[in-house]
N, C-alpha and C. Protein backbone atom coordinates (compact mmCIF):
# COMPACT_ATOMS: atom_id res chain seq x y z
N MET A 1 -4.04 3.19 15.86
CA MET A 1 -3.72 2.85 14.43
C MET A 1 -4.57 3.63 13.50
N THR A 2 -5.88 3.74 13.66
CA THR A 2 -6.72 4.50 12.77
C THR A 2 -6.88 5.95 13.32
N PRO A 3 -6.59 6.94 12.46
CA PRO A 3 -6.77 8.29 12.90
C PRO A 3 -8.28 8.54 13.35
N ARG A 4 -8.41 9.41 14.31
CA ARG A 4 -9.76 9.63 14.84
C ARG A 4 -10.68 10.15 13.74
N GLY A 5 -11.87 9.61 13.73
CA GLY A 5 -12.89 10.06 12.76
C GLY A 5 -12.75 9.42 11.37
N LEU A 6 -11.75 8.62 11.15
CA LEU A 6 -11.60 8.02 9.85
C LEU A 6 -12.56 6.82 9.69
N SER A 7 -13.40 6.89 8.66
CA SER A 7 -14.30 5.80 8.46
C SER A 7 -13.96 5.11 7.09
N ARG A 8 -14.79 4.19 6.70
CA ARG A 8 -14.51 3.52 5.46
C ARG A 8 -14.50 4.48 4.27
N ARG A 9 -15.30 5.56 4.39
CA ARG A 9 -15.16 6.59 3.43
C ARG A 9 -14.33 7.66 3.90
N LEU A 10 -13.11 7.79 3.33
CA LEU A 10 -12.09 8.61 3.85
C LEU A 10 -12.33 10.10 3.51
N CYS A 11 -12.24 11.05 4.49
CA CYS A 11 -12.45 12.42 4.19
C CYS A 11 -11.16 13.15 4.45
N LEU A 12 -10.50 13.75 3.49
CA LEU A 12 -9.20 14.36 3.66
C LEU A 12 -9.22 15.77 3.04
N GLY A 13 -8.48 16.72 3.68
CA GLY A 13 -8.14 17.91 3.05
C GLY A 13 -6.78 17.86 2.42
N GLY A 14 -6.79 18.95 2.29
CA GLY A 14 -5.35 19.03 1.93
C GLY A 14 -4.84 19.04 0.55
N ALA A 15 6.56 14.43 -11.80
CA ALA A 15 7.08 14.24 -13.13
C ALA A 15 7.20 12.77 -13.45
N ALA A 16 6.44 12.45 -14.24
CA ALA A 16 6.41 11.07 -14.52
C ALA A 16 7.77 10.44 -14.24
N ALA A 17 7.78 9.16 -13.83
CA ALA A 17 9.01 8.54 -13.40
C ALA A 17 9.78 7.82 -14.41
N GLY A 18 9.30 7.83 -15.68
CA GLY A 18 9.97 7.09 -16.75
C GLY A 18 9.77 5.62 -16.50
N ALA A 19 10.62 4.80 -17.02
CA ALA A 19 10.41 3.38 -16.98
C ALA A 19 10.54 2.93 -15.51
N LEU A 20 9.56 2.14 -15.05
CA LEU A 20 9.63 1.67 -13.66
C LEU A 20 10.40 0.32 -13.61
N SER A 21 11.77 0.50 -13.65
CA SER A 21 12.59 -0.64 -13.87
C SER A 21 13.48 -1.02 -12.73
N ILE A 22 13.46 -0.26 -11.62
CA ILE A 22 14.27 -0.68 -10.44
C ILE A 22 13.59 -1.89 -9.85
N VAL A 23 14.37 -2.90 -9.60
CA VAL A 23 13.86 -4.15 -9.07
C VAL A 23 14.67 -4.54 -7.84
N TRP A 24 14.05 -5.40 -7.02
CA TRP A 24 14.72 -6.00 -5.83
C TRP A 24 15.66 -7.09 -6.35
N PRO A 25 16.89 -7.03 -6.04
CA PRO A 25 17.91 -7.94 -6.63
C PRO A 25 17.74 -9.40 -6.33
N GLU A 26 16.97 -9.71 -5.33
CA GLU A 26 16.81 -11.15 -4.94
C GLU A 26 15.28 -11.40 -4.77
N ALA A 27 14.93 -12.64 -4.49
CA ALA A 27 13.52 -12.93 -4.26
C ALA A 27 13.03 -12.17 -3.02
N ALA A 28 11.89 -11.68 -3.00
CA ALA A 28 11.34 -10.96 -1.88
C ALA A 28 11.30 -11.88 -0.69
N MET A 29 11.57 -11.35 0.51
CA MET A 29 11.73 -12.20 1.76
C MET A 29 10.74 -11.68 2.87
N ALA A 30 9.55 -11.16 2.46
CA ALA A 30 8.62 -10.75 3.54
C ALA A 30 8.26 -11.98 4.44
N GLY A 31 8.37 -13.13 3.79
CA GLY A 31 7.99 -14.34 4.51
C GLY A 31 8.86 -14.60 5.79
N ALA A 32 9.92 -13.83 5.90
CA ALA A 32 10.75 -13.93 7.19
C ALA A 32 10.25 -13.07 8.33
N GLN A 33 9.03 -12.51 8.14
CA GLN A 33 8.34 -11.82 9.22
C GLN A 33 8.19 -12.79 10.42
N ILE A 34 8.22 -12.20 11.58
CA ILE A 34 8.07 -12.97 12.78
C ILE A 34 6.75 -12.91 13.39
N GLU A 35 6.02 -13.99 13.57
CA GLU A 35 4.75 -13.96 14.25
C GLU A 35 4.84 -13.49 15.71
N GLU A 36 4.07 -12.50 16.07
CA GLU A 36 4.16 -11.92 17.42
C GLU A 36 2.77 -11.48 17.85
N PRO A 37 2.64 -11.21 19.21
CA PRO A 37 1.30 -10.80 19.66
C PRO A 37 0.94 -9.41 19.06
N LEU A 38 -0.39 -9.23 18.89
CA LEU A 38 -0.88 -8.02 18.26
C LEU A 38 -1.69 -7.30 19.34
N ILE A 39 -1.56 -5.94 19.28
CA ILE A 39 -2.38 -5.14 20.16
C ILE A 39 -3.86 -5.10 19.57
N ASP A 40 -4.76 -4.74 20.44
CA ASP A 40 -6.27 -4.82 20.02
C ASP A 40 -6.49 -4.02 18.78
N SER A 41 -5.94 -2.77 18.65
CA SER A 41 -6.22 -1.91 17.55
C SER A 41 -5.78 -2.56 16.18
N VAL A 42 -4.67 -3.29 16.28
CA VAL A 42 -4.12 -3.91 15.06
C VAL A 42 -5.07 -5.05 14.75
N ARG A 43 -5.44 -5.82 15.68
CA ARG A 43 -6.32 -6.99 15.49
C ARG A 43 -7.66 -6.45 14.89
N THR A 44 -8.17 -5.42 15.40
CA THR A 44 -9.48 -4.95 14.95
C THR A 44 -9.32 -4.45 13.44
N ALA A 45 -8.25 -3.78 13.13
CA ALA A 45 -7.98 -3.26 11.74
C ALA A 45 -7.90 -4.42 10.80
N LEU A 46 -7.26 -5.45 11.19
CA LEU A 46 -7.12 -6.66 10.27
C LEU A 46 -8.47 -7.35 10.14
N SER A 47 -9.20 -7.50 11.21
CA SER A 47 -10.54 -8.18 11.11
C SER A 47 -11.47 -7.37 10.15
N SER A 48 -11.46 -6.10 10.22
CA SER A 48 -12.36 -5.30 9.35
C SER A 48 -12.00 -5.38 7.94
N ALA A 49 -10.73 -5.70 7.63
CA ALA A 49 -10.32 -5.84 6.30
C ALA A 49 -10.98 -7.10 5.69
N ILE A 50 -11.04 -8.12 6.44
CA ILE A 50 -11.70 -9.38 5.90
C ILE A 50 -13.24 -9.21 5.81
N ALA A 51 -13.77 -8.44 6.73
CA ALA A 51 -15.24 -8.29 6.70
C ALA A 51 -15.74 -7.44 5.58
N ASN A 52 -14.86 -6.48 5.09
CA ASN A 52 -15.29 -5.54 4.04
C ASN A 52 -14.79 -6.08 2.70
N SER A 53 -15.72 -6.27 1.71
CA SER A 53 -15.34 -6.80 0.42
C SER A 53 -15.20 -5.75 -0.67
N ALA A 54 -15.87 -4.69 -0.54
CA ALA A 54 -15.85 -3.58 -1.59
C ALA A 54 -14.75 -2.64 -1.35
N PRO A 55 -14.10 -2.10 -2.42
CA PRO A 55 -13.04 -1.16 -2.27
C PRO A 55 -13.50 0.11 -1.62
N PRO A 56 -12.68 0.81 -0.84
CA PRO A 56 -13.12 2.00 -0.17
C PRO A 56 -13.32 3.14 -1.17
N ILE A 57 -14.21 4.06 -0.80
CA ILE A 57 -14.49 5.24 -1.66
C ILE A 57 -14.03 6.47 -1.01
N PRO A 58 -13.04 7.16 -1.58
CA PRO A 58 -12.54 8.41 -0.92
C PRO A 58 -13.60 9.51 -1.01
N GLU A 59 -13.62 10.32 0.10
CA GLU A 59 -14.43 11.53 0.05
C GLU A 59 -13.58 12.68 0.50
N PHE A 60 -13.89 13.86 0.11
CA PHE A 60 -12.97 15.06 0.29
C PHE A 60 -13.76 16.13 0.85
N ALA A 61 -13.05 17.01 1.61
CA ALA A 61 -13.61 18.13 2.26
C ALA A 61 -13.92 19.31 1.31
N ASP A 62 -13.20 19.37 0.19
CA ASP A 62 -13.41 20.49 -0.75
C ASP A 62 -13.04 20.09 -2.13
N THR A 63 -13.33 20.87 -3.12
CA THR A 63 -13.15 20.51 -4.49
C THR A 63 -11.64 20.40 -4.83
N GLU A 64 -10.82 21.31 -4.32
CA GLU A 64 -9.44 21.25 -4.60
C GLU A 64 -8.75 20.00 -4.07
N SER A 65 -9.17 19.50 -2.94
CA SER A 65 -8.62 18.28 -2.45
C SER A 65 -8.97 17.13 -3.43
N ARG A 66 -10.18 17.12 -3.91
CA ARG A 66 -10.61 16.06 -4.83
C ARG A 66 -9.81 16.16 -6.09
N LEU A 67 -9.64 17.41 -6.61
CA LEU A 67 -8.91 17.58 -7.85
C LEU A 67 -7.45 17.13 -7.66
N ALA A 68 -6.86 17.42 -6.51
CA ALA A 68 -5.51 17.01 -6.24
C ALA A 68 -5.38 15.44 -6.27
N TYR A 69 -6.36 14.79 -5.71
CA TYR A 69 -6.38 13.31 -5.72
C TYR A 69 -6.53 12.81 -7.09
N LEU A 70 -7.38 13.45 -7.93
CA LEU A 70 -7.58 12.97 -9.26
C LEU A 70 -6.34 13.19 -10.12
N ARG A 71 -5.58 14.30 -9.88
CA ARG A 71 -4.35 14.45 -10.55
C ARG A 71 -3.33 13.37 -10.24
N TRP A 72 -3.32 13.01 -8.94
CA TRP A 72 -2.44 11.95 -8.54
C TRP A 72 -2.82 10.67 -9.16
N LEU A 73 -4.17 10.36 -9.19
CA LEU A 73 -4.68 9.11 -9.73
C LEU A 73 -4.33 9.04 -11.20
N GLY A 74 -4.52 10.18 -11.97
CA GLY A 74 -4.18 10.10 -13.37
C GLY A 74 -2.74 9.86 -13.67
N GLU A 75 -1.83 10.49 -12.83
CA GLU A 75 -0.44 10.32 -13.02
C GLU A 75 0.01 8.94 -12.69
N MET A 76 -0.46 8.39 -11.55
CA MET A 76 -0.06 7.07 -11.16
C MET A 76 -0.65 5.97 -12.14
N SER A 77 -1.81 6.28 -12.62
CA SER A 77 -2.42 5.30 -13.53
C SER A 77 -1.57 5.14 -14.81
N GLY A 78 -1.07 6.28 -15.29
CA GLY A 78 -0.20 6.27 -16.42
C GLY A 78 1.08 5.45 -16.18
N ARG A 79 1.65 5.65 -14.98
CA ARG A 79 2.97 4.98 -14.62
C ARG A 79 2.67 3.48 -14.48
N LEU A 80 1.46 3.05 -14.00
CA LEU A 80 1.30 1.71 -13.68
C LEU A 80 0.75 0.89 -14.86
N MET A 81 0.42 1.63 -15.95
CA MET A 81 -0.27 0.93 -17.09
C MET A 81 0.40 -0.31 -17.62
N ARG A 82 1.67 -0.28 -17.68
CA ARG A 82 2.43 -1.37 -18.23
C ARG A 82 2.31 -2.59 -17.38
N LYS A 83 2.31 -2.34 -16.13
CA LYS A 83 2.30 -3.49 -15.12
C LYS A 83 0.83 -3.97 -14.85
N MET A 84 -0.17 -3.08 -15.04
CA MET A 84 -1.54 -3.43 -14.79
C MET A 84 -2.37 -2.84 -15.91
N PRO A 85 -2.47 -3.50 -17.12
CA PRO A 85 -3.10 -2.92 -18.27
C PRO A 85 -4.62 -2.70 -18.10
N ASP A 86 -5.31 -3.43 -17.36
CA ASP A 86 -6.73 -3.23 -17.25
C ASP A 86 -7.11 -2.04 -16.52
N GLY A 87 -7.79 -1.02 -17.09
CA GLY A 87 -8.04 0.27 -16.58
C GLY A 87 -8.83 0.22 -15.26
N PRO A 88 -10.02 -0.45 -15.21
CA PRO A 88 -10.76 -0.50 -13.99
C PRO A 88 -10.01 -1.14 -12.78
N SER A 89 -9.32 -2.23 -13.06
CA SER A 89 -8.54 -2.83 -12.04
C SER A 89 -7.41 -1.94 -11.55
N ARG A 90 -6.77 -1.27 -12.42
CA ARG A 90 -5.68 -0.30 -12.11
C ARG A 90 -6.23 0.85 -11.19
N LYS A 91 -7.35 1.34 -11.61
CA LYS A 91 -7.99 2.46 -10.83
C LYS A 91 -8.39 1.97 -9.39
N GLU A 92 -8.95 0.75 -9.33
CA GLU A 92 -9.34 0.18 -8.06
C GLU A 92 -8.17 -0.03 -7.12
N PHE A 93 -7.13 -0.57 -7.73
CA PHE A 93 -5.88 -0.81 -6.95
C PHE A 93 -5.32 0.50 -6.38
N LEU A 94 -5.21 1.48 -7.27
CA LEU A 94 -4.62 2.77 -6.77
C LEU A 94 -5.48 3.45 -5.79
N GLN A 95 -6.78 3.39 -5.99
CA GLN A 95 -7.75 4.02 -5.04
C GLN A 95 -7.56 3.34 -3.67
N THR A 96 -7.47 1.99 -3.67
CA THR A 96 -7.36 1.22 -2.42
C THR A 96 -5.98 1.48 -1.74
N ALA A 97 -4.90 1.47 -2.53
CA ALA A 97 -3.60 1.70 -1.97
C ALA A 97 -3.51 3.09 -1.35
N TRP A 98 -4.15 4.04 -2.00
CA TRP A 98 -4.17 5.44 -1.48
C TRP A 98 -4.85 5.45 -0.21
N TYR A 99 -6.07 4.90 -0.20
CA TYR A 99 -6.89 4.88 1.06
C TYR A 99 -6.18 4.19 2.20
N GLU A 100 -5.74 2.96 1.96
CA GLU A 100 -5.07 2.21 3.02
C GLU A 100 -3.83 2.84 3.58
N SER A 101 -2.97 3.40 2.69
CA SER A 101 -1.79 4.05 3.16
C SER A 101 -2.15 5.26 3.98
N LYS A 102 -3.10 6.06 3.62
CA LYS A 102 -3.52 7.28 4.32
C LYS A 102 -4.08 6.78 5.64
N ARG A 103 -4.91 5.81 5.64
CA ARG A 103 -5.53 5.28 6.86
C ARG A 103 -4.48 4.89 7.87
N ALA A 104 -3.40 4.31 7.42
CA ALA A 104 -2.30 3.79 8.29
C ALA A 104 -1.26 4.89 8.59
N GLY A 105 -1.45 6.08 8.02
CA GLY A 105 -0.42 7.13 8.26
C GLY A 105 0.89 6.89 7.58
N LEU A 106 0.79 6.27 6.37
CA LEU A 106 2.03 6.00 5.55
C LEU A 106 2.04 6.74 4.27
N GLU A 107 3.18 7.06 3.74
CA GLU A 107 3.28 7.70 2.41
C GLU A 107 2.83 6.63 1.36
N THR A 108 1.96 7.09 0.50
CA THR A 108 1.48 6.10 -0.51
C THR A 108 2.58 5.72 -1.44
N SER A 109 3.55 6.60 -1.72
CA SER A 109 4.69 6.24 -2.59
C SER A 109 5.50 5.19 -1.94
N LEU A 110 5.65 5.16 -0.57
CA LEU A 110 6.36 4.09 0.10
C LEU A 110 5.62 2.71 -0.08
N VAL A 111 4.35 2.77 0.07
CA VAL A 111 3.59 1.54 -0.08
C VAL A 111 3.69 0.98 -1.46
N LEU A 112 3.54 1.88 -2.51
CA LEU A 112 3.74 1.42 -3.89
C LEU A 112 5.11 0.96 -4.15
N GLY A 113 6.16 1.56 -3.62
CA GLY A 113 7.46 1.05 -3.75
C GLY A 113 7.74 -0.30 -3.10
N LEU A 114 7.06 -0.52 -1.94
CA LEU A 114 7.12 -1.84 -1.26
C LEU A 114 6.45 -2.92 -2.12
N VAL A 115 5.29 -2.55 -2.70
CA VAL A 115 4.57 -3.46 -3.51
C VAL A 115 5.38 -3.88 -4.70
N GLN A 116 6.06 -2.92 -5.32
CA GLN A 116 6.95 -3.24 -6.49
C GLN A 116 8.03 -4.24 -6.13
N VAL A 117 8.64 -3.96 -4.95
CA VAL A 117 9.72 -4.83 -4.51
C VAL A 117 9.25 -6.24 -4.19
N GLU A 118 8.07 -6.29 -3.51
CA GLU A 118 7.61 -7.62 -3.00
C GLU A 118 6.97 -8.48 -4.10
N SER A 119 6.14 -7.85 -4.97
CA SER A 119 5.34 -8.67 -5.88
C SER A 119 5.43 -8.15 -7.29
N ASN A 120 5.98 -7.00 -7.55
CA ASN A 120 5.92 -6.37 -8.80
C ASN A 120 4.52 -6.21 -9.32
N PHE A 121 3.57 -5.91 -8.40
CA PHE A 121 2.18 -5.65 -8.61
C PHE A 121 1.50 -6.86 -9.15
N ARG A 122 1.90 -8.07 -8.70
CA ARG A 122 1.18 -9.30 -9.10
C ARG A 122 0.25 -9.72 -7.97
N LYS A 123 -1.03 -9.70 -8.27
CA LYS A 123 -2.02 -9.98 -7.21
C LYS A 123 -1.93 -11.36 -6.65
N PHE A 124 -1.57 -12.34 -7.44
CA PHE A 124 -1.48 -13.73 -6.92
C PHE A 124 -0.06 -14.20 -6.69
N ALA A 125 0.83 -13.30 -6.51
CA ALA A 125 2.22 -13.71 -6.27
C ALA A 125 2.27 -14.52 -4.88
N VAL A 126 3.09 -15.60 -5.00
CA VAL A 126 3.28 -16.46 -3.74
C VAL A 126 4.77 -16.75 -3.70
N SER A 127 5.32 -16.50 -2.52
CA SER A 127 6.73 -16.70 -2.27
C SER A 127 7.00 -18.19 -1.91
N SER A 128 8.25 -18.52 -1.93
CA SER A 128 8.63 -19.91 -1.63
C SER A 128 8.26 -20.34 -0.22
N VAL A 129 8.01 -19.33 0.63
CA VAL A 129 7.59 -19.70 2.08
C VAL A 129 6.10 -19.40 2.29
N GLY A 130 5.38 -19.10 1.14
CA GLY A 130 3.93 -18.92 1.32
C GLY A 130 3.40 -17.47 1.48
N ALA A 131 4.28 -16.51 1.56
CA ALA A 131 3.75 -15.09 1.54
C ALA A 131 2.96 -14.82 0.32
N ARG A 132 1.87 -14.06 0.47
CA ARG A 132 0.91 -13.94 -0.62
C ARG A 132 0.52 -12.54 -1.00
N GLY A 133 0.25 -12.38 -2.33
CA GLY A 133 -0.37 -11.17 -2.79
C GLY A 133 0.61 -9.92 -2.98
N TYR A 134 -0.03 -8.81 -3.22
CA TYR A 134 0.67 -7.60 -3.53
C TYR A 134 1.76 -7.25 -2.59
N MET A 135 1.48 -7.36 -1.27
CA MET A 135 2.42 -6.95 -0.21
C MET A 135 3.04 -8.10 0.50
N GLN A 136 2.87 -9.34 -0.13
CA GLN A 136 3.46 -10.54 0.33
C GLN A 136 3.33 -10.77 1.89
N VAL A 137 2.05 -10.92 2.22
CA VAL A 137 1.63 -11.10 3.59
C VAL A 137 1.63 -12.54 3.94
N MET A 138 2.25 -12.86 5.11
CA MET A 138 2.29 -14.30 5.57
C MET A 138 0.95 -14.79 6.05
N PRO A 139 0.55 -16.04 5.80
CA PRO A 139 -0.71 -16.58 6.25
C PRO A 139 -0.95 -16.63 7.79
N PHE A 140 0.18 -16.56 8.53
CA PHE A 140 0.01 -16.65 9.99
C PHE A 140 -0.73 -15.41 10.51
N TRP A 141 -0.69 -14.30 9.64
CA TRP A 141 -1.45 -13.12 10.15
C TRP A 141 -2.91 -13.36 10.12
N THR A 142 -3.43 -14.23 9.25
CA THR A 142 -4.87 -14.45 9.28
C THR A 142 -5.22 -15.36 10.44
N ARG A 143 -4.30 -16.21 10.88
CA ARG A 143 -4.55 -17.04 12.10
C ARG A 143 -4.55 -16.10 13.29
N SER A 144 -3.75 -15.08 13.30
CA SER A 144 -3.67 -14.16 14.47
C SER A 144 -4.96 -13.56 14.82
N ILE A 145 -5.87 -13.43 13.88
CA ILE A 145 -7.13 -12.80 14.14
C ILE A 145 -8.28 -13.76 14.18
N GLY A 146 -7.97 -15.02 14.11
CA GLY A 146 -8.92 -16.10 14.26
C GLY A 146 -9.69 -16.52 13.06
N ASP A 147 -9.24 -16.09 11.85
CA ASP A 147 -9.94 -16.47 10.64
C ASP A 147 -9.19 -17.67 10.03
N GLY A 148 -7.90 -17.52 9.74
CA GLY A 148 -7.04 -18.66 9.29
C GLY A 148 -7.16 -19.05 7.87
N ASP A 149 -7.90 -18.30 7.07
CA ASP A 149 -8.11 -18.65 5.63
C ASP A 149 -7.06 -17.89 4.81
N PRO A 150 -5.99 -18.48 4.36
CA PRO A 150 -4.98 -17.75 3.65
C PRO A 150 -5.39 -17.16 2.29
N SER A 151 -6.51 -17.79 1.73
CA SER A 151 -6.97 -17.31 0.44
C SER A 151 -7.51 -15.89 0.50
N THR A 152 -7.84 -15.38 1.69
CA THR A 152 -8.37 -14.00 1.84
C THR A 152 -7.27 -13.07 1.45
N LEU A 153 -6.00 -13.43 1.55
CA LEU A 153 -4.83 -12.54 1.26
C LEU A 153 -4.68 -12.25 -0.15
N PHE A 154 -5.41 -13.03 -1.11
CA PHE A 154 -5.43 -12.63 -2.49
C PHE A 154 -6.49 -11.60 -2.82
N HIS A 155 -7.32 -11.31 -1.80
CA HIS A 155 -8.32 -10.21 -2.07
C HIS A 155 -7.55 -8.82 -1.95
N MET A 156 -7.81 -8.04 -2.91
CA MET A 156 -6.95 -6.81 -2.96
C MET A 156 -6.95 -5.93 -1.76
N GLN A 157 -8.19 -5.59 -1.31
CA GLN A 157 -8.26 -4.72 -0.17
C GLN A 157 -7.79 -5.36 1.08
N THR A 158 -8.01 -6.66 1.32
CA THR A 158 -7.54 -7.39 2.52
C THR A 158 -5.98 -7.37 2.48
N ASN A 159 -5.37 -7.66 1.34
CA ASN A 159 -3.92 -7.72 1.28
C ASN A 159 -3.32 -6.33 1.54
N LEU A 160 -3.85 -5.25 0.95
CA LEU A 160 -3.29 -3.93 1.16
C LEU A 160 -3.59 -3.50 2.55
N ARG A 161 -4.74 -3.78 3.12
CA ARG A 161 -5.01 -3.44 4.54
C ARG A 161 -4.04 -4.21 5.46
N PHE A 162 -3.90 -5.48 5.28
CA PHE A 162 -2.94 -6.18 6.09
C PHE A 162 -1.52 -5.62 6.00
N GLY A 163 -1.10 -5.45 4.75
CA GLY A 163 0.32 -4.95 4.56
C GLY A 163 0.54 -3.65 5.24
N CYS A 164 -0.42 -2.69 5.03
CA CYS A 164 -0.27 -1.33 5.58
C CYS A 164 -0.34 -1.34 7.09
N VAL A 165 -1.33 -2.12 7.64
CA VAL A 165 -1.40 -2.23 9.07
C VAL A 165 -0.17 -2.80 9.75
N ILE A 166 0.33 -3.89 9.17
CA ILE A 166 1.53 -4.54 9.67
C ILE A 166 2.69 -3.56 9.61
N LEU A 167 2.91 -2.86 8.49
CA LEU A 167 3.95 -1.86 8.35
C LEU A 167 3.83 -0.78 9.38
N ARG A 168 2.61 -0.34 9.59
CA ARG A 168 2.36 0.77 10.63
C ARG A 168 2.71 0.14 12.04
N HIS A 169 2.29 -1.07 12.22
CA HIS A 169 2.56 -1.76 13.51
C HIS A 169 4.07 -1.80 13.80
N TYR A 170 4.81 -2.22 12.70
CA TYR A 170 6.23 -2.21 12.86
C TYR A 170 6.88 -0.88 13.06
N LEU A 171 6.29 0.14 12.38
CA LEU A 171 6.86 1.50 12.56
C LEU A 171 6.68 1.99 13.95
N ASN A 172 5.57 1.67 14.54
CA ASN A 172 5.37 2.04 15.97
C ASN A 172 6.39 1.32 16.88
N LEU A 173 6.55 0.03 16.61
CA LEU A 173 7.50 -0.72 17.43
C LEU A 173 8.89 -0.15 17.29
N GLU A 174 9.24 0.33 16.16
CA GLU A 174 10.57 0.85 15.85
C GLU A 174 10.68 2.38 16.09
N LYS A 175 9.61 2.85 16.74
CA LYS A 175 9.58 4.29 17.14
C LYS A 175 9.87 5.30 16.02
N GLY A 176 9.29 5.01 14.86
CA GLY A 176 9.36 5.88 13.69
C GLY A 176 10.55 5.65 12.81
N ASP A 177 11.42 4.73 13.10
CA ASP A 177 12.60 4.44 12.29
C ASP A 177 12.23 3.67 11.12
N LEU A 178 12.13 4.28 9.93
CA LEU A 178 11.61 3.62 8.72
C LEU A 178 12.55 2.55 8.14
N PHE A 179 13.88 2.86 8.30
CA PHE A 179 14.89 1.89 7.90
C PHE A 179 14.72 0.55 8.68
N MET A 180 14.60 0.64 9.94
CA MET A 180 14.48 -0.61 10.74
C MET A 180 13.14 -1.15 10.56
N THR A 181 12.09 -0.37 10.36
CA THR A 181 10.74 -0.92 10.06
C THR A 181 10.68 -1.75 8.84
N LEU A 182 11.28 -1.29 7.74
CA LEU A 182 11.32 -2.06 6.53
C LEU A 182 12.15 -3.33 6.71
N GLY A 183 13.16 -3.27 7.37
CA GLY A 183 13.95 -4.49 7.69
C GLY A 183 13.16 -5.52 8.50
N ARG A 184 12.35 -4.98 9.37
CA ARG A 184 11.49 -5.88 10.25
C ARG A 184 10.42 -6.51 9.33
N TYR A 185 9.83 -5.72 8.42
CA TYR A 185 8.80 -6.22 7.49
C TYR A 185 9.34 -7.35 6.66
N ASN A 186 10.60 -7.18 6.22
CA ASN A 186 11.23 -8.15 5.39
C ASN A 186 11.89 -9.28 6.14
N GLY A 187 12.08 -9.13 7.45
CA GLY A 187 12.78 -10.20 8.23
C GLY A 187 14.28 -10.02 8.11
N SER A 188 14.77 -8.85 7.77
CA SER A 188 16.24 -8.66 7.66
C SER A 188 16.60 -7.37 8.46
N ARG A 189 15.98 -7.21 9.61
CA ARG A 189 16.15 -6.05 10.49
C ARG A 189 17.60 -5.68 10.71
N GLY A 190 17.95 -4.47 10.40
CA GLY A 190 19.28 -3.93 10.60
C GLY A 190 20.18 -4.03 9.38
N ARG A 191 19.70 -4.72 8.33
CA ARG A 191 20.54 -4.89 7.16
C ARG A 191 19.98 -3.97 5.99
N ALA A 192 20.85 -3.50 5.18
CA ALA A 192 20.45 -2.40 4.24
C ALA A 192 19.85 -2.82 2.93
N PRO A 193 20.10 -3.97 2.32
CA PRO A 193 19.65 -4.14 0.97
C PRO A 193 18.17 -3.96 0.73
N TYR A 194 17.33 -4.53 1.65
CA TYR A 194 15.87 -4.47 1.46
C TYR A 194 15.32 -3.06 1.60
N PRO A 195 15.61 -2.38 2.74
CA PRO A 195 15.17 -1.00 2.84
C PRO A 195 15.72 -0.09 1.65
N ASP A 196 16.92 -0.34 1.23
CA ASP A 196 17.39 0.47 0.14
C ASP A 196 16.68 0.28 -1.14
N ALA A 197 16.26 -1.01 -1.37
CA ALA A 197 15.47 -1.35 -2.56
C ALA A 197 14.12 -0.68 -2.49
N VAL A 198 13.46 -0.66 -1.35
CA VAL A 198 12.11 -0.09 -1.20
C VAL A 198 12.24 1.45 -1.36
N PHE A 199 13.30 2.05 -0.75
CA PHE A 199 13.41 3.51 -0.96
C PHE A 199 13.67 3.83 -2.40
N ALA A 200 14.44 3.04 -3.08
CA ALA A 200 14.78 3.30 -4.55
C ALA A 200 13.47 3.24 -5.36
N ASN A 201 12.63 2.21 -5.13
CA ASN A 201 11.38 2.09 -5.81
C ASN A 201 10.37 3.16 -5.42
N GLN A 202 10.51 3.57 -4.17
CA GLN A 202 9.53 4.64 -3.73
C GLN A 202 9.71 5.84 -4.59
N ARG A 203 10.93 6.15 -4.96
CA ARG A 203 11.10 7.35 -5.78
C ARG A 203 10.50 7.30 -7.11
N LEU A 204 10.16 6.11 -7.59
CA LEU A 204 9.49 5.96 -8.84
C LEU A 204 8.02 6.40 -8.82
N TRP A 205 7.52 6.46 -7.54
CA TRP A 205 6.11 6.71 -7.31
C TRP A 205 5.88 8.02 -6.64
N ALA A 206 6.92 8.84 -6.58
CA ALA A 206 6.77 10.18 -5.98
C ALA A 206 5.93 11.02 -6.89
N PHE A 207 5.20 11.93 -6.28
CA PHE A 207 4.30 12.80 -7.04
C PHE A 207 4.35 14.21 -6.52
N LYS A 208 4.63 15.16 -7.40
CA LYS A 208 4.60 16.59 -7.06
C LYS A 208 3.42 17.22 -7.74
N ASP A 209 2.47 17.57 -6.88
CA ASP A 209 1.20 18.15 -7.47
C ASP A 209 1.36 19.55 -7.86
N ARG A 210 0.55 19.93 -8.85
CA ARG A 210 0.36 21.41 -9.20
C ARG A 210 -0.62 21.97 -8.17
N PRO A 211 -0.37 23.13 -7.66
CA PRO A 211 -1.34 23.71 -6.69
C PRO A 211 -2.68 23.85 -7.27
N LYS A 212 -2.78 24.32 -8.54
CA LYS A 212 -4.12 24.48 -9.15
C LYS A 212 -4.00 24.21 -10.63
N ASP A 213 -5.11 23.83 -11.27
CA ASP A 213 -5.08 23.68 -12.66
C ASP A 213 -5.02 24.98 -13.39
N LYS A 214 -4.24 24.95 -14.46
CA LYS A 214 -4.13 26.16 -15.34
C LYS A 214 -5.42 26.34 -16.05
N PRO A 215 -5.75 27.63 -16.58
CA PRO A 215 -7.01 27.78 -17.38
C PRO A 215 -7.02 26.92 -18.56
N GLY A 216 -8.13 26.32 -18.80
CA GLY A 216 -8.33 25.40 -19.92
C GLY A 216 -7.95 24.00 -19.71
N GLU A 217 -7.29 23.66 -18.51
CA GLU A 217 -6.93 22.32 -18.20
C GLU A 217 -8.14 21.64 -17.56
N SER A 218 -8.22 20.40 -17.72
CA SER A 218 -9.33 19.56 -17.10
C SER A 218 -8.74 18.30 -16.60
N VAL A 219 -9.41 17.73 -15.66
CA VAL A 219 -9.02 16.42 -15.04
C VAL A 219 -10.01 15.41 -15.41
N ASN A 220 -9.59 14.30 -15.92
CA ASN A 220 -10.43 13.17 -16.35
C ASN A 220 -10.54 12.25 -15.19
N PRO A 221 -11.67 12.08 -14.52
CA PRO A 221 -11.78 11.17 -13.33
C PRO A 221 -11.85 9.72 -13.73
N SER A 222 -11.93 9.39 -14.99
CA SER A 222 -12.03 8.06 -15.37
C SER A 222 -10.68 7.49 -15.84
N MET A 223 -10.05 6.66 -15.06
CA MET A 223 -8.66 6.20 -15.35
C MET A 223 -8.76 4.76 -15.75
């Protein structure tokens, strides 16, 4: 599950979307997820999310990688401003979503699209069947690792870690088939509406980076 050498401090190399108005046509149904046995690596990843309370801090191998991240952060912060007006909270959310998606080997735009479908970026969203938080994680996942306290799913990093780890777990089970993975996450495996909604919202969070800053341009790291 976790790429080799990836620690809590992540070291990586390596057009605005307009109104973010695409929505899931019905109530989110991630609560239809099925409780199932977890492999040890998944259990460990979920346990560490509860143990760690501070947001992860990205680290980079070189200056250009850091600048690329800051360009992404600035662009996404602007897009998310209407849904998450508080600047520090918005930066912390995007930083954590970026870290957790990279950690799980997922596209960050996919995770943000799923969050928009599931909770519309509402931290304390609760579904009719009890799924909680940004990625609408079911409380039985906390029981699966022996903690059992569903309130932890309202903690930002815990919720994003759980959601990303569960999504990666399903992607492995589905042998890389993202359509079937999203259906499994939603509890509608094999049916199109939910995956199609996530894919549509994912496009709102796509980012095409400039290879290098033009002369005279600067990047503001404070979002």
